[in-house]
Amino acid sequence: MQKKTLVASLALAVFALAAPAFAGPPFLCHPFDIGAAASLPWKSHDWLGLNPDYDVHAVVADTEALLTPATPTLVRMETLRRAVLYASRDRAVAEQLLAAVMTRLQAAKRAGASDATAWFDAGYVVEALREVEDMGHHMSDLADRGRLMAGITRAVDGQPLLETSAAMRPDDSATAFALALIARAPDSNAHLIKARAGAKHDRLLASNLARLQLQ
């Protein structure tokens, strides 16, 4: 356990150099507080608390069923975080998950629909898969998964997708919270200010900011 904690700490230090707005791979390492909302099964509050009895081949269908248009952003974040961690155990499943969110995004583009959730989900999955690949270089627990995910996001950049989602929903402080985790200063500061303002009226958002010492 001590060795695992030390390795994780070293990995977080490496990511701190790459992302000054937040120390650690922000879309994976820290479970988000979603209260009593439904999400994918999870063994514990540990960041890698995968349920060993869960069939990873069901993750795409289960995720799509959970992420309705009305699903709050924080619940989307935790559900997609779990989905990526499950999917990272099987390259084919990860490719299916990525294809599902990108197909939905392309459909929204063709229809000219202002579907902010399609942009958000695609951006989150891309960034989280990239984090798995990057962490595979620094954490022995994820080395195999990092190799499995090598090149899976190709030239896709998740942050612009999240920024587009934020522009479509300028009042969504939780999307600002997500961007504050991955953006570089000074953009990260602006997003964080917006998230903090929204947290005054959002208990779960306030809880997540506090847990990450960003309040």
N, C-alpha and C. Protein backbone atom coordinates (compact mmCIF):
# COMPACT_ATOMS: atom_id res chain seq x y z
N MET A 1 0.83 -1.21 0.00
CA MET A 1 0.00 0.00 0.00
C MET A 1 0.86 1.25 0.00
N GLN A 2 1.96 1.24 0.84
CA GLN A 2 2.83 2.41 0.88
C GLN A 2 3.51 2.63 -0.47
N LYS A 3 3.92 1.51 -1.11
CA LYS A 3 4.56 1.63 -2.42
C LYS A 3 3.61 2.21 -3.44
N LYS A 4 2.36 1.73 -3.42
CA LYS A 4 1.35 2.23 -4.35
C LYS A 4 1.11 3.72 -4.14
N THR A 5 1.03 4.12 -2.87
CA THR A 5 0.81 5.54 -2.57
C THR A 5 1.98 6.39 -3.04
N LEU A 6 3.21 5.88 -2.86
CA LEU A 6 4.39 6.62 -3.30
C LEU A 6 4.41 6.79 -4.81
N VAL A 7 4.10 5.71 -5.53
CA VAL A 7 4.08 5.79 -7.00
C VAL A 7 3.03 6.78 -7.46
N ALA A 8 1.86 6.73 -6.84
CA ALA A 8 0.79 7.67 -7.21
C ALA A 8 1.22 9.10 -6.95
N SER A 9 1.90 9.32 -5.82
CA SER A 9 2.35 10.68 -5.48
C SER A 9 3.36 11.20 -6.49
N LEU A 10 4.26 10.32 -6.93
CA LEU A 10 5.24 10.73 -7.94
C LEU A 10 4.56 11.07 -9.25
N ALA A 11 3.54 10.28 -9.60
CA ALA A 11 2.81 10.56 -10.84
C ALA A 11 2.11 11.90 -10.76
N LEU A 12 1.52 12.19 -9.61
CA LEU A 12 0.84 13.48 -9.44
C LEU A 12 1.83 14.63 -9.56
N ALA A 13 3.04 14.43 -9.05
CA ALA A 13 4.05 15.48 -9.13
C ALA A 13 4.43 15.75 -10.58
N VAL A 14 4.52 14.70 -11.38
CA VAL A 14 4.84 14.88 -12.80
C VAL A 14 3.76 15.67 -13.49
N PHE A 15 2.50 15.33 -13.20
CA PHE A 15 1.40 16.04 -13.84
C PHE A 15 1.29 17.47 -13.33
N ALA A 16 1.74 17.74 -12.13
CA ALA A 16 1.71 19.10 -11.60
C ALA A 16 2.58 20.01 -12.45
N LEU A 17 3.68 19.48 -12.98
CA LEU A 17 4.54 20.28 -13.83
C LEU A 17 3.87 20.60 -15.15
N ALA A 18 3.04 19.66 -15.64
CA ALA A 18 2.41 19.84 -16.95
C ALA A 18 1.15 20.68 -16.86
N ALA A 19 0.46 20.66 -15.71
CA ALA A 19 -0.82 21.35 -15.58
C ALA A 19 -0.81 22.20 -14.31
N PRO A 20 -0.31 23.43 -14.42
CA PRO A 20 -0.17 24.26 -13.22
C PRO A 20 -1.48 24.60 -12.54
N ALA A 21 -2.59 24.49 -13.26
CA ALA A 21 -3.88 24.82 -12.65
C ALA A 21 -4.32 23.76 -11.65
N PHE A 22 -3.73 22.54 -11.75
CA PHE A 22 -4.20 21.47 -10.88
C PHE A 22 -3.14 20.39 -10.82
N ALA A 23 -2.83 19.90 -9.62
CA ALA A 23 -1.79 18.89 -9.46
C ALA A 23 -2.39 17.50 -9.60
N GLY A 24 -2.07 16.83 -10.69
CA GLY A 24 -2.56 15.47 -10.91
C GLY A 24 -3.41 15.40 -12.17
N PRO A 25 -3.60 14.18 -12.69
CA PRO A 25 -4.46 13.98 -13.86
C PRO A 25 -5.92 14.21 -13.46
N PRO A 26 -6.47 15.36 -13.67
CA PRO A 26 -7.70 15.79 -13.00
C PRO A 26 -8.96 15.05 -13.39
N PHE A 27 -9.02 14.49 -14.59
CA PHE A 27 -10.25 13.83 -14.99
C PHE A 27 -10.31 12.37 -14.56
N LEU A 28 -9.22 11.87 -13.95
CA LEU A 28 -9.19 10.47 -13.55
C LEU A 28 -8.94 10.25 -12.07
N CYS A 29 -8.00 10.95 -11.50
CA CYS A 29 -7.46 10.59 -10.18
C CYS A 29 -8.37 10.89 -9.00
N HIS A 30 -9.31 11.78 -9.16
CA HIS A 30 -10.10 12.21 -8.01
C HIS A 30 -11.59 11.96 -8.28
N PRO A 31 -12.20 11.01 -7.59
CA PRO A 31 -13.65 10.79 -7.75
C PRO A 31 -14.42 12.06 -7.44
N PHE A 32 -15.44 12.31 -8.23
CA PHE A 32 -16.27 13.50 -8.03
C PHE A 32 -17.48 13.14 -7.17
N ASP A 33 -17.81 14.02 -6.26
CA ASP A 33 -18.97 13.84 -5.39
C ASP A 33 -20.23 14.10 -6.20
N ILE A 34 -21.08 13.07 -6.32
CA ILE A 34 -22.33 13.23 -7.08
C ILE A 34 -23.54 12.93 -6.19
N GLY A 35 -23.32 12.90 -4.88
CA GLY A 35 -24.43 12.65 -3.98
C GLY A 35 -25.01 11.26 -4.19
N ALA A 36 -26.34 11.20 -4.30
CA ALA A 36 -27.03 9.92 -4.46
C ALA A 36 -27.36 9.62 -5.93
N ALA A 37 -26.81 10.38 -6.85
CA ALA A 37 -27.12 10.18 -8.27
C ALA A 37 -26.63 8.83 -8.77
N ALA A 38 -27.35 8.26 -9.71
CA ALA A 38 -26.97 6.97 -10.29
C ALA A 38 -25.76 7.14 -11.20
N SER A 39 -24.89 6.14 -11.17
CA SER A 39 -23.72 6.14 -12.04
C SER A 39 -23.31 4.69 -12.26
N LEU A 40 -22.18 4.47 -12.91
CA LEU A 40 -21.68 3.12 -13.10
C LEU A 40 -21.27 2.53 -11.76
N PRO A 41 -21.34 1.21 -11.61
CA PRO A 41 -20.99 0.59 -10.32
C PRO A 41 -19.55 0.85 -9.95
N TRP A 42 -19.32 1.02 -8.66
CA TRP A 42 -17.98 1.35 -8.17
C TRP A 42 -17.79 0.65 -6.85
N LYS A 43 -16.61 0.14 -6.61
CA LYS A 43 -16.34 -0.67 -5.43
C LYS A 43 -16.18 0.16 -4.17
N SER A 44 -15.58 1.34 -4.32
CA SER A 44 -15.30 2.17 -3.15
C SER A 44 -15.11 3.60 -3.62
N HIS A 45 -14.67 4.46 -2.70
CA HIS A 45 -14.38 5.84 -3.06
C HIS A 45 -12.95 6.01 -3.54
N ASP A 46 -12.21 4.91 -3.63
CA ASP A 46 -10.87 4.95 -4.18
C ASP A 46 -10.95 5.35 -5.64
N TRP A 47 -9.98 6.12 -6.12
CA TRP A 47 -10.04 6.61 -7.50
C TRP A 47 -10.02 5.46 -8.50
N LEU A 48 -9.40 4.33 -8.14
CA LEU A 48 -9.34 3.18 -9.03
C LEU A 48 -10.19 2.04 -8.48
N GLY A 49 -11.33 2.40 -7.91
CA GLY A 49 -12.19 1.42 -7.25
C GLY A 49 -13.08 0.66 -8.20
N LEU A 50 -12.50 0.02 -9.20
CA LEU A 50 -13.28 -0.74 -10.17
C LEU A 50 -13.96 -1.93 -9.50
N ASN A 51 -15.21 -2.17 -9.88
CA ASN A 51 -15.93 -3.32 -9.38
C ASN A 51 -15.51 -4.54 -10.20
N PRO A 52 -14.86 -5.54 -9.58
CA PRO A 52 -14.35 -6.68 -10.34
C PRO A 52 -15.44 -7.51 -10.99
N ASP A 53 -16.67 -7.37 -10.52
CA ASP A 53 -17.78 -8.15 -11.08
C ASP A 53 -18.46 -7.45 -12.26
N TYR A 54 -18.04 -6.23 -12.55
CA TYR A 54 -18.69 -5.49 -13.63
C TYR A 54 -18.13 -5.91 -14.99
N ASP A 55 -19.01 -6.16 -15.94
CA ASP A 55 -18.61 -6.55 -17.29
C ASP A 55 -18.25 -5.30 -18.09
N VAL A 56 -16.97 -5.11 -18.38
CA VAL A 56 -16.54 -3.90 -19.07
C VAL A 56 -17.16 -3.79 -20.46
N HIS A 57 -17.59 -4.90 -21.02
CA HIS A 57 -18.20 -4.86 -22.36
C HIS A 57 -19.58 -4.19 -22.35
N ALA A 58 -20.11 -3.97 -21.15
CA ALA A 58 -21.41 -3.29 -21.03
C ALA A 58 -21.25 -1.79 -20.81
N VAL A 59 -20.01 -1.32 -20.71
CA VAL A 59 -19.80 0.05 -20.26
C VAL A 59 -20.35 1.10 -21.23
N VAL A 60 -20.26 0.86 -22.52
CA VAL A 60 -20.74 1.87 -23.47
C VAL A 60 -22.26 2.01 -23.38
N ALA A 61 -22.96 0.89 -23.43
CA ALA A 61 -24.42 0.93 -23.34
C ALA A 61 -24.88 1.49 -22.01
N ASP A 62 -24.23 1.08 -20.92
CA ASP A 62 -24.63 1.57 -19.60
C ASP A 62 -24.38 3.07 -19.47
N THR A 63 -23.26 3.53 -20.01
CA THR A 63 -22.94 4.96 -19.94
C THR A 63 -23.94 5.78 -20.74
N GLU A 64 -24.25 5.32 -21.92
CA GLU A 64 -25.23 6.05 -22.75
C GLU A 64 -26.60 6.10 -22.08
N ALA A 65 -26.97 5.03 -21.38
CA ALA A 65 -28.26 5.02 -20.68
C ALA A 65 -28.29 6.00 -19.51
N LEU A 66 -27.15 6.17 -18.87
CA LEU A 66 -27.07 7.06 -17.71
C LEU A 66 -27.01 8.53 -18.10
N LEU A 67 -26.37 8.81 -19.23
CA LEU A 67 -26.14 10.21 -19.61
C LEU A 67 -27.25 10.73 -20.51
N THR A 68 -28.38 11.02 -19.91
CA THR A 68 -29.49 11.63 -20.63
C THR A 68 -29.23 13.13 -20.77
N PRO A 69 -29.99 13.83 -21.60
CA PRO A 69 -29.79 15.27 -21.72
C PRO A 69 -29.95 16.01 -20.40
N ALA A 70 -30.71 15.43 -19.47
CA ALA A 70 -30.96 16.10 -18.20
C ALA A 70 -29.93 15.76 -17.13
N THR A 71 -29.00 14.85 -17.41
CA THR A 71 -28.01 14.46 -16.41
C THR A 71 -27.10 15.64 -16.09
N PRO A 72 -26.96 16.02 -14.82
CA PRO A 72 -26.12 17.18 -14.46
C PRO A 72 -24.67 16.96 -14.85
N THR A 73 -23.96 18.04 -15.04
CA THR A 73 -22.57 17.98 -15.50
C THR A 73 -21.68 17.19 -14.56
N LEU A 74 -21.80 17.40 -13.25
CA LEU A 74 -20.95 16.68 -12.30
C LEU A 74 -21.19 15.18 -12.36
N VAL A 75 -22.43 14.78 -12.57
CA VAL A 75 -22.73 13.35 -12.70
C VAL A 75 -22.15 12.82 -14.00
N ARG A 76 -22.18 13.63 -15.04
CA ARG A 76 -21.56 13.23 -16.31
C ARG A 76 -20.06 13.01 -16.10
N MET A 77 -19.44 13.92 -15.36
CA MET A 77 -17.99 13.82 -15.13
C MET A 77 -17.62 12.53 -14.41
N GLU A 78 -18.33 12.21 -13.34
CA GLU A 78 -17.99 11.01 -12.58
C GLU A 78 -18.33 9.75 -13.37
N THR A 79 -19.46 9.76 -14.09
CA THR A 79 -19.83 8.60 -14.89
C THR A 79 -18.82 8.36 -16.01
N LEU A 80 -18.40 9.42 -16.68
CA LEU A 80 -17.41 9.27 -17.75
C LEU A 80 -16.04 8.91 -17.20
N ARG A 81 -15.71 9.41 -16.02
CA ARG A 81 -14.45 9.03 -15.38
C ARG A 81 -14.42 7.52 -15.15
N ARG A 82 -15.50 7.00 -14.59
CA ARG A 82 -15.58 5.56 -14.35
C ARG A 82 -15.58 4.79 -15.67
N ALA A 83 -16.32 5.30 -16.64
CA ALA A 83 -16.41 4.61 -17.93
C ALA A 83 -15.04 4.47 -18.58
N VAL A 84 -14.26 5.54 -18.54
CA VAL A 84 -12.92 5.49 -19.15
C VAL A 84 -12.02 4.52 -18.40
N LEU A 85 -12.08 4.52 -17.08
CA LEU A 85 -11.24 3.61 -16.31
C LEU A 85 -11.62 2.15 -16.58
N TYR A 86 -12.91 1.87 -16.69
CA TYR A 86 -13.33 0.51 -17.06
C TYR A 86 -12.88 0.19 -18.49
N ALA A 87 -13.16 1.09 -19.41
CA ALA A 87 -12.86 0.84 -20.82
C ALA A 87 -11.37 0.70 -21.07
N SER A 88 -10.55 1.32 -20.23
CA SER A 88 -9.11 1.27 -20.45
C SER A 88 -8.53 -0.12 -20.23
N ARG A 89 -9.35 -1.05 -19.77
CA ARG A 89 -8.91 -2.43 -19.59
C ARG A 89 -8.99 -3.22 -20.90
N ASP A 90 -9.64 -2.65 -21.90
CA ASP A 90 -9.84 -3.36 -23.18
C ASP A 90 -9.83 -2.33 -24.30
N ARG A 91 -8.85 -2.41 -25.19
CA ARG A 91 -8.70 -1.42 -26.27
C ARG A 91 -9.96 -1.32 -27.12
N ALA A 92 -10.57 -2.46 -27.43
CA ALA A 92 -11.76 -2.44 -28.27
C ALA A 92 -12.91 -1.70 -27.60
N VAL A 93 -13.06 -1.90 -26.29
CA VAL A 93 -14.13 -1.21 -25.56
C VAL A 93 -13.85 0.29 -25.51
N ALA A 94 -12.59 0.66 -25.28
CA ALA A 94 -12.23 2.07 -25.25
C ALA A 94 -12.50 2.72 -26.60
N GLU A 95 -12.21 2.02 -27.69
CA GLU A 95 -12.48 2.56 -29.02
C GLU A 95 -13.98 2.71 -29.24
N GLN A 96 -14.76 1.78 -28.72
CA GLN A 96 -16.22 1.88 -28.84
C GLN A 96 -16.75 3.07 -28.06
N LEU A 97 -16.20 3.29 -26.87
CA LEU A 97 -16.63 4.44 -26.06
C LEU A 97 -16.30 5.74 -26.76
N LEU A 98 -15.08 5.84 -27.27
CA LEU A 98 -14.68 7.04 -27.99
C LEU A 98 -15.53 7.25 -29.23
N ALA A 99 -15.78 6.17 -29.96
CA ALA A 99 -16.60 6.27 -31.18
C ALA A 99 -18.02 6.71 -30.85
N ALA A 100 -18.56 6.23 -29.73
CA ALA A 100 -19.93 6.57 -29.35
C ALA A 100 -20.09 8.07 -29.10
N VAL A 101 -19.15 8.66 -28.33
CA VAL A 101 -19.29 10.08 -28.03
C VAL A 101 -18.96 10.94 -29.26
N MET A 102 -18.02 10.50 -30.09
CA MET A 102 -17.69 11.27 -31.28
C MET A 102 -18.79 11.17 -32.33
N THR A 103 -19.44 10.02 -32.45
CA THR A 103 -20.56 9.86 -33.38
C THR A 103 -21.71 10.77 -32.99
N ARG A 104 -22.00 10.82 -31.70
CA ARG A 104 -23.07 11.71 -31.23
C ARG A 104 -22.72 13.16 -31.49
N LEU A 105 -21.45 13.51 -31.31
CA LEU A 105 -21.02 14.89 -31.58
C LEU A 105 -21.18 15.22 -33.05
N GLN A 106 -20.76 14.32 -33.92
CA GLN A 106 -20.86 14.58 -35.35
C GLN A 106 -22.33 14.69 -35.78
N ALA A 107 -23.19 13.88 -35.17
CA ALA A 107 -24.62 13.96 -35.49
C ALA A 107 -25.19 15.32 -35.09
N ALA A 108 -24.76 15.82 -33.95
CA ALA A 108 -25.22 17.13 -33.50
C ALA A 108 -24.73 18.23 -34.44
N LYS A 109 -23.50 18.09 -34.91
CA LYS A 109 -22.96 19.07 -35.85
C LYS A 109 -23.76 19.08 -37.15
N ARG A 110 -24.04 17.89 -37.67
CA ARG A 110 -24.78 17.80 -38.94
C ARG A 110 -26.18 18.37 -38.80
N ALA A 111 -26.78 18.17 -37.64
CA ALA A 111 -28.14 18.64 -37.42
C ALA A 111 -28.19 20.11 -37.05
N GLY A 112 -27.02 20.69 -36.82
CA GLY A 112 -26.97 22.09 -36.39
C GLY A 112 -27.54 22.28 -35.01
N ALA A 113 -27.51 21.22 -34.21
CA ALA A 113 -28.09 21.27 -32.87
C ALA A 113 -27.10 21.84 -31.86
N SER A 114 -27.62 22.63 -30.95
CA SER A 114 -26.78 23.18 -29.87
C SER A 114 -26.80 22.22 -28.69
N ASP A 115 -26.26 21.04 -28.91
CA ASP A 115 -26.25 20.00 -27.88
C ASP A 115 -24.95 20.10 -27.09
N ALA A 116 -24.98 20.91 -26.05
CA ALA A 116 -23.77 21.15 -25.25
C ALA A 116 -23.26 19.87 -24.62
N THR A 117 -24.16 18.95 -24.27
CA THR A 117 -23.71 17.72 -23.62
C THR A 117 -22.92 16.84 -24.59
N ALA A 118 -23.25 16.89 -25.87
CA ALA A 118 -22.49 16.09 -26.86
C ALA A 118 -21.05 16.58 -26.92
N TRP A 119 -20.87 17.87 -26.92
CA TRP A 119 -19.52 18.44 -26.93
C TRP A 119 -18.80 18.13 -25.62
N PHE A 120 -19.51 18.23 -24.51
CA PHE A 120 -18.89 17.99 -23.22
C PHE A 120 -18.43 16.54 -23.09
N ASP A 121 -19.33 15.60 -23.40
CA ASP A 121 -19.00 14.19 -23.24
C ASP A 121 -17.81 13.78 -24.11
N ALA A 122 -17.80 14.26 -25.35
CA ALA A 122 -16.69 13.95 -26.24
C ALA A 122 -15.38 14.52 -25.69
N GLY A 123 -15.42 15.76 -25.24
CA GLY A 123 -14.22 16.39 -24.71
C GLY A 123 -13.71 15.68 -23.48
N TYR A 124 -14.62 15.27 -22.60
CA TYR A 124 -14.20 14.60 -21.37
C TYR A 124 -13.55 13.25 -21.68
N VAL A 125 -14.18 12.47 -22.55
CA VAL A 125 -13.65 11.14 -22.87
C VAL A 125 -12.28 11.25 -23.52
N VAL A 126 -12.12 12.19 -24.45
CA VAL A 126 -10.82 12.36 -25.11
C VAL A 126 -9.75 12.70 -24.09
N GLU A 127 -10.03 13.66 -23.22
CA GLU A 127 -9.03 14.07 -22.23
C GLU A 127 -8.72 12.96 -21.23
N ALA A 128 -9.74 12.24 -20.80
CA ALA A 128 -9.52 11.17 -19.82
C ALA A 128 -8.73 10.01 -20.43
N LEU A 129 -9.00 9.66 -21.68
CA LEU A 129 -8.24 8.60 -22.34
C LEU A 129 -6.78 9.03 -22.51
N ARG A 130 -6.58 10.29 -22.81
CA ARG A 130 -5.21 10.80 -22.94
C ARG A 130 -4.49 10.70 -21.59
N GLU A 131 -5.21 10.97 -20.52
CA GLU A 131 -4.61 10.86 -19.19
C GLU A 131 -4.20 9.42 -18.87
N VAL A 132 -5.03 8.45 -19.27
CA VAL A 132 -4.67 7.05 -19.05
C VAL A 132 -3.36 6.74 -19.76
N GLU A 133 -3.26 7.17 -21.02
CA GLU A 133 -2.04 6.92 -21.78
C GLU A 133 -0.83 7.58 -21.12
N ASP A 134 -1.00 8.82 -20.69
CA ASP A 134 0.11 9.54 -20.07
C ASP A 134 0.50 8.93 -18.73
N MET A 135 -0.49 8.55 -17.93
CA MET A 135 -0.19 8.00 -16.62
C MET A 135 0.48 6.63 -16.71
N GLY A 136 0.24 5.94 -17.82
CA GLY A 136 0.88 4.65 -18.01
C GLY A 136 2.39 4.74 -18.01
N HIS A 137 2.93 5.94 -18.29
CA HIS A 137 4.37 6.13 -18.28
C HIS A 137 4.92 6.34 -16.87
N HIS A 138 4.03 6.63 -15.91
CA HIS A 138 4.48 7.03 -14.58
C HIS A 138 3.97 6.17 -13.44
N MET A 139 2.92 5.38 -13.69
CA MET A 139 2.34 4.55 -12.64
C MET A 139 2.34 3.09 -13.07
N SER A 140 2.97 2.24 -12.28
CA SER A 140 3.06 0.82 -12.63
C SER A 140 1.68 0.17 -12.72
N ASP A 141 0.73 0.65 -11.89
CA ASP A 141 -0.61 0.08 -11.90
C ASP A 141 -1.32 0.30 -13.23
N LEU A 142 -0.92 1.33 -13.94
CA LEU A 142 -1.58 1.66 -15.20
C LEU A 142 -0.67 1.48 -16.42
N ALA A 143 0.49 0.88 -16.23
CA ALA A 143 1.43 0.74 -17.34
C ALA A 143 0.82 -0.04 -18.49
N ASP A 144 0.16 -1.17 -18.18
CA ASP A 144 -0.44 -1.98 -19.24
C ASP A 144 -1.55 -1.22 -19.95
N ARG A 145 -2.33 -0.48 -19.17
CA ARG A 145 -3.43 0.28 -19.78
C ARG A 145 -2.89 1.42 -20.64
N GLY A 146 -1.81 2.03 -20.16
CA GLY A 146 -1.20 3.10 -20.96
C GLY A 146 -0.76 2.60 -22.31
N ARG A 147 -0.18 1.41 -22.35
CA ARG A 147 0.24 0.84 -23.63
C ARG A 147 -0.98 0.50 -24.49
N LEU A 148 -2.03 -0.02 -23.85
CA LEU A 148 -3.24 -0.35 -24.60
C LEU A 148 -3.87 0.89 -25.24
N MET A 149 -3.79 2.02 -24.54
CA MET A 149 -4.44 3.25 -25.01
C MET A 149 -3.54 4.08 -25.93
N ALA A 150 -2.34 3.63 -26.19
CA ALA A 150 -1.38 4.42 -26.97
C ALA A 150 -1.99 4.88 -28.30
N GLY A 151 -2.02 6.20 -28.49
CA GLY A 151 -2.47 6.78 -29.74
C GLY A 151 -3.97 6.75 -29.96
N ILE A 152 -4.75 6.36 -28.96
CA ILE A 152 -6.18 6.17 -29.20
C ILE A 152 -6.91 7.47 -29.51
N THR A 153 -6.45 8.58 -28.94
CA THR A 153 -7.13 9.85 -29.22
C THR A 153 -6.56 10.56 -30.44
N ARG A 154 -5.45 10.02 -30.97
CA ARG A 154 -4.83 10.54 -32.18
C ARG A 154 -4.65 12.07 -32.08
N ALA A 155 -5.17 12.79 -33.06
CA ALA A 155 -4.94 14.23 -33.06
C ALA A 155 -6.10 15.00 -32.43
N VAL A 156 -7.03 14.31 -31.78
CA VAL A 156 -8.20 14.98 -31.19
C VAL A 156 -7.79 15.66 -29.90
N ASP A 157 -8.22 16.89 -29.73
CA ASP A 157 -7.95 17.66 -28.53
C ASP A 157 -9.27 17.88 -27.80
N GLY A 158 -9.35 17.43 -26.57
CA GLY A 158 -10.60 17.50 -25.83
C GLY A 158 -10.94 18.87 -25.29
N GLN A 159 -9.94 19.68 -24.97
CA GLN A 159 -10.23 20.96 -24.34
C GLN A 159 -11.07 21.89 -25.20
N PRO A 160 -10.80 22.03 -26.50
CA PRO A 160 -11.67 22.89 -27.32
C PRO A 160 -13.12 22.40 -27.35
N LEU A 161 -13.32 21.10 -27.27
CA LEU A 161 -14.68 20.58 -27.24
C LEU A 161 -15.39 21.01 -25.96
N LEU A 162 -14.67 20.95 -24.84
CA LEU A 162 -15.24 21.40 -23.57
C LEU A 162 -15.50 22.90 -23.58
N GLU A 163 -14.62 23.65 -24.21
CA GLU A 163 -14.81 25.10 -24.29
C GLU A 163 -16.04 25.45 -25.13
N THR A 164 -16.28 24.68 -26.18
CA THR A 164 -17.48 24.91 -26.99
C THR A 164 -18.73 24.61 -26.18
N SER A 165 -18.68 23.53 -25.40
CA SER A 165 -19.80 23.20 -24.53
C SER A 165 -20.07 24.33 -23.54
N ALA A 166 -19.00 24.87 -22.99
CA ALA A 166 -19.14 25.98 -22.03
C ALA A 166 -19.77 27.20 -22.69
N ALA A 167 -19.39 27.47 -23.92
CA ALA A 167 -19.95 28.62 -24.63
C ALA A 167 -21.44 28.44 -24.89
N MET A 168 -21.86 27.19 -25.07
CA MET A 168 -23.28 26.91 -25.31
C MET A 168 -24.09 27.03 -24.03
N ARG A 169 -23.42 26.80 -22.88
CA ARG A 169 -24.11 26.88 -21.59
C ARG A 169 -23.31 27.79 -20.65
N PRO A 170 -23.34 29.07 -20.91
CA PRO A 170 -22.51 30.00 -20.13
C PRO A 170 -22.87 30.06 -18.65
N ASP A 171 -24.05 29.56 -18.29
CA ASP A 171 -24.46 29.60 -16.89
C ASP A 171 -24.13 28.31 -16.14
N ASP A 172 -23.52 27.36 -16.82
CA ASP A 172 -23.21 26.08 -16.18
C ASP A 172 -21.85 26.16 -15.48
N SER A 173 -21.89 26.38 -14.18
CA SER A 173 -20.66 26.54 -13.40
C SER A 173 -19.87 25.24 -13.30
N ALA A 174 -20.55 24.10 -13.43
CA ALA A 174 -19.86 22.82 -13.35
C ALA A 174 -18.96 22.60 -14.56
N THR A 175 -19.39 23.09 -15.73
CA THR A 175 -18.53 23.01 -16.91
C THR A 175 -17.31 23.91 -16.72
N ALA A 176 -17.50 25.05 -16.10
CA ALA A 176 -16.36 25.92 -15.77
C ALA A 176 -15.42 25.20 -14.82
N PHE A 177 -15.96 24.45 -13.88
CA PHE A 177 -15.15 23.66 -12.96
C PHE A 177 -14.29 22.65 -13.73
N ALA A 178 -14.90 21.96 -14.67
CA ALA A 178 -14.15 20.98 -15.48
C ALA A 178 -13.01 21.66 -16.23
N LEU A 179 -13.28 22.80 -16.81
CA LEU A 179 -12.26 23.52 -17.56
C LEU A 179 -11.16 24.06 -16.64
N ALA A 180 -11.55 24.45 -15.44
CA ALA A 180 -10.55 24.94 -14.49
C ALA A 180 -9.53 23.86 -14.15
N LEU A 181 -9.94 22.59 -14.23
CA LEU A 181 -9.05 21.49 -13.90
C LEU A 181 -8.00 21.24 -14.97
N ILE A 182 -8.32 21.56 -16.23
CA ILE A 182 -7.38 21.19 -17.30
C ILE A 182 -6.76 22.38 -18.02
N ALA A 183 -7.34 23.56 -17.87
CA ALA A 183 -6.82 24.73 -18.58
C ALA A 183 -5.57 25.27 -17.90
N ARG A 184 -4.79 25.98 -18.63
CA ARG A 184 -3.59 26.63 -18.08
C ARG A 184 -3.94 28.07 -17.69
N ALA A 185 -3.18 28.57 -16.73
CA ALA A 185 -3.36 29.97 -16.32
C ALA A 185 -3.01 30.88 -17.51
N PRO A 186 -3.69 32.02 -17.67
CA PRO A 186 -4.71 32.58 -16.77
C PRO A 186 -6.12 32.06 -17.04
N ASP A 187 -6.31 31.26 -18.09
CA ASP A 187 -7.66 30.77 -18.40
C ASP A 187 -8.22 29.94 -17.25
N SER A 188 -7.38 29.13 -16.62
CA SER A 188 -7.86 28.30 -15.52
C SER A 188 -8.40 29.15 -14.38
N ASN A 189 -7.77 30.28 -14.14
CA ASN A 189 -8.21 31.17 -13.06
C ASN A 189 -9.60 31.74 -13.34
N ALA A 190 -9.84 32.11 -14.58
CA ALA A 190 -11.15 32.65 -14.95
C ALA A 190 -12.24 31.60 -14.79
N HIS A 191 -11.94 30.38 -15.21
CA HIS A 191 -12.92 29.30 -15.05
C HIS A 191 -13.17 29.01 -13.57
N LEU A 192 -12.12 29.05 -12.77
CA LEU A 192 -12.25 28.75 -11.36
C LEU A 192 -13.08 29.82 -10.64
N ILE A 193 -12.90 31.05 -11.02
CA ILE A 193 -13.70 32.14 -10.43
C ILE A 193 -15.18 31.91 -10.72
N LYS A 194 -15.47 31.50 -11.94
CA LYS A 194 -16.87 31.24 -12.32
C LYS A 194 -17.42 30.05 -11.56
N ALA A 195 -16.60 29.01 -11.42
CA ALA A 195 -17.05 27.82 -10.67
C ALA A 195 -17.32 28.17 -9.22
N ARG A 196 -16.45 28.96 -8.62
CA ARG A 196 -16.64 29.34 -7.22
C ARG A 196 -17.92 30.16 -7.03
N ALA A 197 -18.18 31.02 -7.99
CA ALA A 197 -19.40 31.84 -7.90
C ALA A 197 -20.63 30.94 -7.95
N GLY A 198 -20.61 29.96 -8.86
CA GLY A 198 -21.75 29.05 -8.97
C GLY A 198 -21.90 28.14 -7.77
N ALA A 199 -20.78 27.84 -7.11
CA ALA A 199 -20.81 26.94 -5.96
C ALA A 199 -21.59 27.52 -4.78
N LYS A 200 -21.77 28.83 -4.78
CA LYS A 200 -22.54 29.46 -3.70
C LYS A 200 -23.99 28.98 -3.71
N HIS A 201 -24.43 28.49 -4.86
CA HIS A 201 -25.82 28.03 -5.00
C HIS A 201 -25.89 26.56 -5.41
N ASP A 202 -24.77 25.85 -5.31
CA ASP A 202 -24.70 24.45 -5.75
C ASP A 202 -23.89 23.67 -4.73
N ARG A 203 -24.58 22.91 -3.88
CA ARG A 203 -23.91 22.20 -2.78
C ARG A 203 -22.88 21.19 -3.29
N LEU A 204 -23.23 20.44 -4.34
CA LEU A 204 -22.30 19.43 -4.85
C LEU A 204 -21.06 20.07 -5.47
N LEU A 205 -21.26 21.15 -6.19
CA LEU A 205 -20.11 21.83 -6.77
C LEU A 205 -19.21 22.37 -5.67
N ALA A 206 -19.81 22.93 -4.63
CA ALA A 206 -19.03 23.43 -3.49
C ALA A 206 -18.26 22.28 -2.84
N SER A 207 -18.89 21.12 -2.72
CA SER A 207 -18.24 19.96 -2.13
C SER A 207 -17.02 19.52 -2.94
N ASN A 208 -17.17 19.52 -4.26
CA ASN A 208 -16.07 19.09 -5.12
C ASN A 208 -14.92 20.09 -5.10
N LEU A 209 -15.24 21.36 -5.06
CA LEU A 209 -14.18 22.36 -4.95
C LEU A 209 -13.42 22.21 -3.63
N ALA A 210 -14.16 21.94 -2.57
CA ALA A 210 -13.54 21.78 -1.26
C ALA A 210 -12.65 20.54 -1.21
N ARG A 211 -13.13 19.45 -1.79
CA ARG A 211 -12.35 18.20 -1.78
C ARG A 211 -11.02 18.34 -2.52
N LEU A 212 -11.03 19.19 -3.53
CA LEU A 212 -9.80 19.41 -4.30
C LEU A 212 -9.05 20.64 -3.83
N GLN A 213 -9.50 21.21 -2.71
CA GLN A 213 -8.86 22.39 -2.12
C GLN A 213 -8.81 23.54 -3.12
N LEU A 214 -9.90 23.75 -3.81
CA LEU A 214 -10.01 24.82 -4.79
C LEU A 214 -11.07 25.84 -4.40
N GLN A 215 -11.62 25.70 -3.20
CA GLN A 215 -12.70 26.59 -2.81
C GLN A 215 -12.19 27.99 -2.50
